[in-house]
């Protein structure tokens, strides 16, 4: 789907605040309410917009610790099953590289952390880092534009 400047602005506004009314969204992107509604429907139909959700403060829900767990190689279906059964899993990525999985979890305290890690350690070796502070999360993303990507500078090797 080709996205124009209005679509890009609509996506930015909705990523920042998904509860906007279509009338307010239209005002912000300088389109009529029917025009913006039609564009949003097209973005949804094309699969660009996949859903709307509330962002919650996990600390205020009682989760005192957030951690990133890196897990080694294990049988894919077993890992997926455990991840799906653990309500503490916030996000889980199957990745390339030294680790096979990167999993973010939210737990109440250290005892809860140990209990969750025990279930993951039954599958494979793990390495855990506690998140002290999130500097950037859920950043609104504009459409990717190849022409805006600058190549990395060439490195000159010294002899």
C-alpha atoms as a PDB file:
ATOM      1  CA  UNK A   1       0.000   0.000   0.000  1.00  0.00           C
ATOM      2  CA  UNK A   2       1.341   3.404  -0.983  1.00  0.00           C
ATOM      3  CA  UNK A   3       1.151   5.844   1.922  1.00  0.00           C
ATOM      4  CA  UNK A   4       0.913   9.571   1.308  1.00  0.00           C
ATOM      5  CA  UNK A   5       1.595  12.424   3.725  1.00  0.00           C
ATOM      6  CA  UNK A   6      -1.953  12.270   5.158  1.00  0.00           C
ATOM      7  CA  UNK A   7      -1.672   8.525   5.842  1.00  0.00           C
ATOM      8  CA  UNK A   8       1.699   9.028   7.504  1.00  0.00           C
ATOM      9  CA  UNK A   9       0.306  11.784   9.718  1.00  0.00           C
ATOM     10  CA  UNK A  10      -2.766   9.673  10.586  1.00  0.00           C
ATOM     11  CA  UNK A  11      -0.495   6.807  11.657  1.00  0.00           C
ATOM     12  CA  UNK A  12       1.649   9.124  13.781  1.00  0.00           C
ATOM     13  CA  UNK A  13      -1.393  10.592  15.526  1.00  0.00           C
ATOM     14  CA  UNK A  14      -3.008   7.211  16.198  1.00  0.00           C
ATOM     15  CA  UNK A  15       0.240   5.699  17.491  1.00  0.00           C
ATOM     16  CA  UNK A  16       0.561   8.609  19.905  1.00  0.00           C
ATOM     17  CA  UNK A  17      -3.094   8.570  20.974  1.00  0.00           C
ATOM     18  CA  UNK A  18      -5.340   5.786  19.649  1.00  0.00           C
ATOM     19  CA  UNK A  19      -8.469   7.085  21.421  1.00  0.00           C
ATOM     20  CA  UNK A  20      -8.829  10.114  19.178  1.00  0.00           C
ATOM     21  CA  UNK A  21     -12.250  10.588  17.673  1.00  0.00           C
ATOM     22  CA  UNK A  22     -12.332  10.625  13.894  1.00  0.00           C
ATOM     23  CA  UNK A  23     -13.407  14.277  14.059  1.00  0.00           C
ATOM     24  CA  UNK A  24     -10.376  15.232  16.183  1.00  0.00           C
ATOM     25  CA  UNK A  25      -8.059  13.108  14.050  1.00  0.00           C
ATOM     26  CA  UNK A  26      -9.404  14.851  10.965  1.00  0.00           C
ATOM     27  CA  UNK A  27      -8.745  18.266  12.533  1.00  0.00           C
ATOM     28  CA  UNK A  28      -5.179  17.276  13.374  1.00  0.00           C
ATOM     29  CA  UNK A  29      -4.368  16.015   9.864  1.00  0.00           C
ATOM     30  CA  UNK A  30      -6.434  18.637   8.037  1.00  0.00           C
ATOM     31  CA  UNK A  31      -9.033  16.258   6.531  1.00  0.00           C
ATOM     32  CA  UNK A  32     -12.784  16.021   6.971  1.00  0.00           C
ATOM     33  CA  UNK A  33     -14.111  13.423   9.404  1.00  0.00           C
ATOM     34  CA  UNK A  34     -15.516  11.222   6.576  1.00  0.00           C
ATOM     35  CA  UNK A  35     -12.232  11.424   4.639  1.00  0.00           C
ATOM     36  CA  UNK A  36     -10.103  10.488   7.655  1.00  0.00           C
ATOM     37  CA  UNK A  37     -12.509   7.680   8.586  1.00  0.00           C
ATOM     38  CA  UNK A  38     -12.176   6.215   5.083  1.00  0.00           C
ATOM     39  CA  UNK A  39      -8.384   6.423   5.228  1.00  0.00           C
ATOM     40  CA  UNK A  40      -8.281   4.720   8.635  1.00  0.00           C
ATOM     41  CA  UNK A  41     -10.548   1.926   7.323  1.00  0.00           C
ATOM     42  CA  UNK A  42      -8.224   1.445   4.326  1.00  0.00           C
ATOM     43  CA  UNK A  43      -5.174   1.307   6.618  1.00  0.00           C
ATOM     44  CA  UNK A  44      -6.954  -1.299   8.753  1.00  0.00           C
ATOM     45  CA  UNK A  45      -8.054  -3.338   5.720  1.00  0.00           C
ATOM     46  CA  UNK A  46      -4.503  -3.293   4.330  1.00  0.00           C
ATOM     47  CA  UNK A  47      -3.167  -4.622   7.643  1.00  0.00           C
ATOM     48  CA  UNK A  48      -1.104  -1.495   8.340  1.00  0.00           C
ATOM     49  CA  UNK A  49      -3.164  -0.809  11.483  1.00  0.00           C
ATOM     50  CA  UNK A  50      -3.477  -4.140  13.269  1.00  0.00           C
ATOM     51  CA  UNK A  51      -5.252  -3.083  16.453  1.00  0.00           C
ATOM     52  CA  UNK A  52      -5.713  -0.588  19.248  1.00  0.00           C
ATOM     53  CA  UNK A  53      -4.725  -1.180  22.853  1.00  0.00           C
ATOM     54  CA  UNK A  54      -4.336   0.554  26.162  1.00  0.00           C
ATOM     55  CA  UNK A  55      -0.830   1.101  27.496  1.00  0.00           C
ATOM     56  CA  UNK A  56      -0.644   0.289  31.185  1.00  0.00           C
ATOM     57  CA  UNK A  57       1.940   0.997  33.862  1.00  0.00           C
ATOM     58  CA  UNK A  58       3.052  -2.459  35.007  1.00  0.00           C
ATOM     59  CA  UNK A  59       4.453  -1.013  38.238  1.00  0.00           C
ATOM     60  CA  UNK A  60       1.053   0.374  39.175  1.00  0.00           C
ATOM     61  CA  UNK A  61      -0.426  -3.073  38.515  1.00  0.00           C
ATOM     62  CA  UNK A  62       1.893  -4.530  41.148  1.00  0.00           C
ATOM     63  CA  UNK A  63       4.759  -5.767  38.982  1.00  0.00           C
ATOM     64  CA  UNK A  64       7.836  -4.449  40.779  1.00  0.00           C
ATOM     65  CA  UNK A  65      10.381  -6.053  38.463  1.00  0.00           C
ATOM     66  CA  UNK A  66      10.688  -6.184  34.706  1.00  0.00           C
ATOM     67  CA  UNK A  67      13.430  -8.297  33.215  1.00  0.00           C
ATOM     68  CA  UNK A  68      14.823  -9.417  29.893  1.00  0.00           C
ATOM     69  CA  UNK A  69      15.581 -13.129  29.670  1.00  0.00           C
ATOM     70  CA  UNK A  70      17.843 -14.391  26.922  1.00  0.00           C
ATOM     71  CA  UNK A  71      17.369 -18.095  26.282  1.00  0.00           C
ATOM     72  CA  UNK A  72      19.517 -20.510  24.319  1.00  0.00           C
ATOM     73  CA  UNK A  73      18.541 -23.113  21.780  1.00  0.00           C
ATOM     74  CA  UNK A  74      15.612 -25.341  22.659  1.00  0.00           C
ATOM     75  CA  UNK A  75      12.835 -27.128  20.851  1.00  0.00           C
ATOM     76  CA  UNK A  76      10.769 -24.346  19.293  1.00  0.00           C
ATOM     77  CA  UNK A  77       7.322 -25.795  20.069  1.00  0.00           C
ATOM     78  CA  UNK A  78       8.233 -26.433  23.721  1.00  0.00           C
ATOM     79  CA  UNK A  79       9.428 -22.848  24.164  1.00  0.00           C
ATOM     80  CA  UNK A  80       6.320 -21.423  22.486  1.00  0.00           C
ATOM     81  CA  UNK A  81       4.080 -23.571  24.714  1.00  0.00           C
ATOM     82  CA  UNK A  82       5.804 -22.387  27.906  1.00  0.00           C
ATOM     83  CA  UNK A  83       5.732 -18.749  26.761  1.00  0.00           C
ATOM     84  CA  UNK A  84       2.017 -18.974  26.019  1.00  0.00           C
ATOM     85  CA  UNK A  85       1.358 -20.489  29.454  1.00  0.00           C
ATOM     86  CA  UNK A  86       3.285 -17.821  31.381  1.00  0.00           C
ATOM     87  CA  UNK A  87       1.141 -14.735  32.054  1.00  0.00           C
ATOM     88  CA  UNK A  88       4.302 -12.916  33.158  1.00  0.00           C
ATOM     89  CA  UNK A  89       5.632 -12.804  29.578  1.00  0.00           C
ATOM     90  CA  UNK A  90       5.181  -9.299  28.153  1.00  0.00           C
ATOM     91  CA  UNK A  91       6.957  -9.875  24.831  1.00  0.00           C
ATOM     92  CA  UNK A  92       8.840 -12.793  23.337  1.00  0.00           C
ATOM     93  CA  UNK A  93      11.032 -12.844  20.267  1.00  0.00           C
ATOM     94  CA  UNK A  94      12.586 -15.795  18.467  1.00  0.00           C
ATOM     95  CA  UNK A  95      15.879 -14.290  17.310  1.00  0.00           C
ATOM     96  CA  UNK A  96      19.069 -15.045  15.431  1.00  0.00           C
ATOM     97  CA  UNK A  97      22.480 -14.991  17.014  1.00  0.00           C
ATOM     98  CA  UNK A  98      23.957 -16.516  20.142  1.00  0.00           C
ATOM     99  CA  UNK A  99      20.568 -16.579  21.899  1.00  0.00           C
ATOM    100  CA  UNK A 100      17.481 -18.091  20.334  1.00  0.00           C
ATOM    101  CA  UNK A 101      14.945 -16.193  22.423  1.00  0.00           C
ATOM    102  CA  UNK A 102      14.662 -12.751  23.971  1.00  0.00           C
ATOM    103  CA  UNK A 103      11.779 -12.612  26.437  1.00  0.00           C
ATOM    104  CA  UNK A 104      10.574  -9.664  28.501  1.00  0.00           C
ATOM    105  CA  UNK A 105       8.809 -10.591  31.719  1.00  0.00           C
ATOM    106  CA  UNK A 106       7.074  -8.676  34.509  1.00  0.00           C
ATOM    107  CA  UNK A 107       7.047 -10.123  38.027  1.00  0.00           C
ATOM    108  CA  UNK A 108       6.055  -9.017  41.511  1.00  0.00           C
ATOM    109  CA  UNK A 109       9.346  -9.578  43.331  1.00  0.00           C
ATOM    110  CA  UNK A 110      12.535 -11.648  43.376  1.00  0.00           C
ATOM    111  CA  UNK A 111      10.743 -14.818  44.546  1.00  0.00           C
ATOM    112  CA  UNK A 112       8.308 -14.475  41.642  1.00  0.00           C
ATOM    113  CA  UNK A 113      11.260 -13.890  39.285  1.00  0.00           C
ATOM    114  CA  UNK A 114      12.901 -17.100  40.502  1.00  0.00           C
ATOM    115  CA  UNK A 115       9.694 -19.070  39.931  1.00  0.00           C
ATOM    116  CA  UNK A 116       9.320 -17.832  36.347  1.00  0.00           C
ATOM    117  CA  UNK A 117      13.005 -18.384  35.588  1.00  0.00           C
ATOM    118  CA  UNK A 118      12.784 -21.947  36.900  1.00  0.00           C
ATOM    119  CA  UNK A 119      10.164 -22.715  34.237  1.00  0.00           C
ATOM    120  CA  UNK A 120      12.308 -21.186  31.498  1.00  0.00           C
ATOM    121  CA  UNK A 121      15.500 -22.844  32.777  1.00  0.00           C
ATOM    122  CA  UNK A 122      13.804 -26.235  32.414  1.00  0.00           C
ATOM    123  CA  UNK A 123      13.953 -25.631  28.653  1.00  0.00           C
ATOM    124  CA  UNK A 124      17.459 -24.274  28.136  1.00  0.00           C
ATOM    125  CA  UNK A 125      20.171 -22.094  29.600  1.00  0.00           C
ATOM    126  CA  UNK A 126      19.146 -18.512  30.301  1.00  0.00           C
ATOM    127  CA  UNK A 127      20.700 -15.176  31.109  1.00  0.00           C
ATOM    128  CA  UNK A 128      18.594 -12.538  32.860  1.00  0.00           C
ATOM    129  CA  UNK A 129      18.908  -8.759  33.103  1.00  0.00           C
ATOM    130  CA  UNK A 130      16.619  -6.698  35.310  1.00  0.00           C
ATOM    131  CA  UNK A 131      15.333  -3.547  33.610  1.00  0.00           C
ATOM    132  CA  UNK A 132      16.241  -0.546  35.739  1.00  0.00           C
ATOM    133  CA  UNK A 133      14.609   2.131  33.613  1.00  0.00           C
ATOM    134  CA  UNK A 134      13.034   2.170  30.161  1.00  0.00           C
ATOM    135  CA  UNK A 135      14.486   5.074  28.218  1.00  0.00           C
ATOM    136  CA  UNK A 136      12.298   4.520  25.145  1.00  0.00           C
ATOM    137  CA  UNK A 137       9.283   2.276  24.657  1.00  0.00           C
ATOM    138  CA  UNK A 138       6.556   2.001  22.037  1.00  0.00           C
ATOM    139  CA  UNK A 139       8.016   4.718  19.849  1.00  0.00           C
ATOM    140  CA  UNK A 140       5.592   5.812  17.100  1.00  0.00           C
ATOM    141  CA  UNK A 141       7.115   4.720  13.800  1.00  0.00           C
ATOM    142  CA  UNK A 142       6.748   6.461  10.452  1.00  0.00           C
ATOM    143  CA  UNK A 143       6.653   4.414   7.250  1.00  0.00           C
ATOM    144  CA  UNK A 144      10.123   3.217   6.231  1.00  0.00           C
ATOM    145  CA  UNK A 145      11.716   5.203   3.447  1.00  0.00           C
ATOM    146  CA  UNK A 146      14.803   3.689   1.827  1.00  0.00           C
ATOM    147  CA  UNK A 147      15.940   7.067   0.464  1.00  0.00           C
ATOM    148  CA  UNK A 148      16.287   8.392   4.026  1.00  0.00           C
ATOM    149  CA  UNK A 149      18.723   5.629   5.024  1.00  0.00           C
ATOM    150  CA  UNK A 150      22.289   6.847   4.850  1.00  0.00           C
ATOM    151  CA  UNK A 151      24.963   4.237   4.203  1.00  0.00           C
ATOM    152  CA  UNK A 152      27.431   3.563   6.984  1.00  0.00           C
ATOM    153  CA  UNK A 153      30.747   5.391   6.553  1.00  0.00           C
ATOM    154  CA  UNK A 154      33.486   3.299   4.988  1.00  0.00           C
ATOM    155  CA  UNK A 155      36.153   2.239   7.440  1.00  0.00           C
ATOM    156  CA  UNK A 156      39.726   2.543   6.341  1.00  0.00           C
ATOM    157  CA  UNK A 157      42.052  -0.142   7.634  1.00  0.00           C
ATOM    158  CA  UNK A 158      45.481   0.970   8.709  1.00  0.00           C
ATOM    159  CA  UNK A 159      48.324  -1.204   7.510  1.00  0.00           C
END
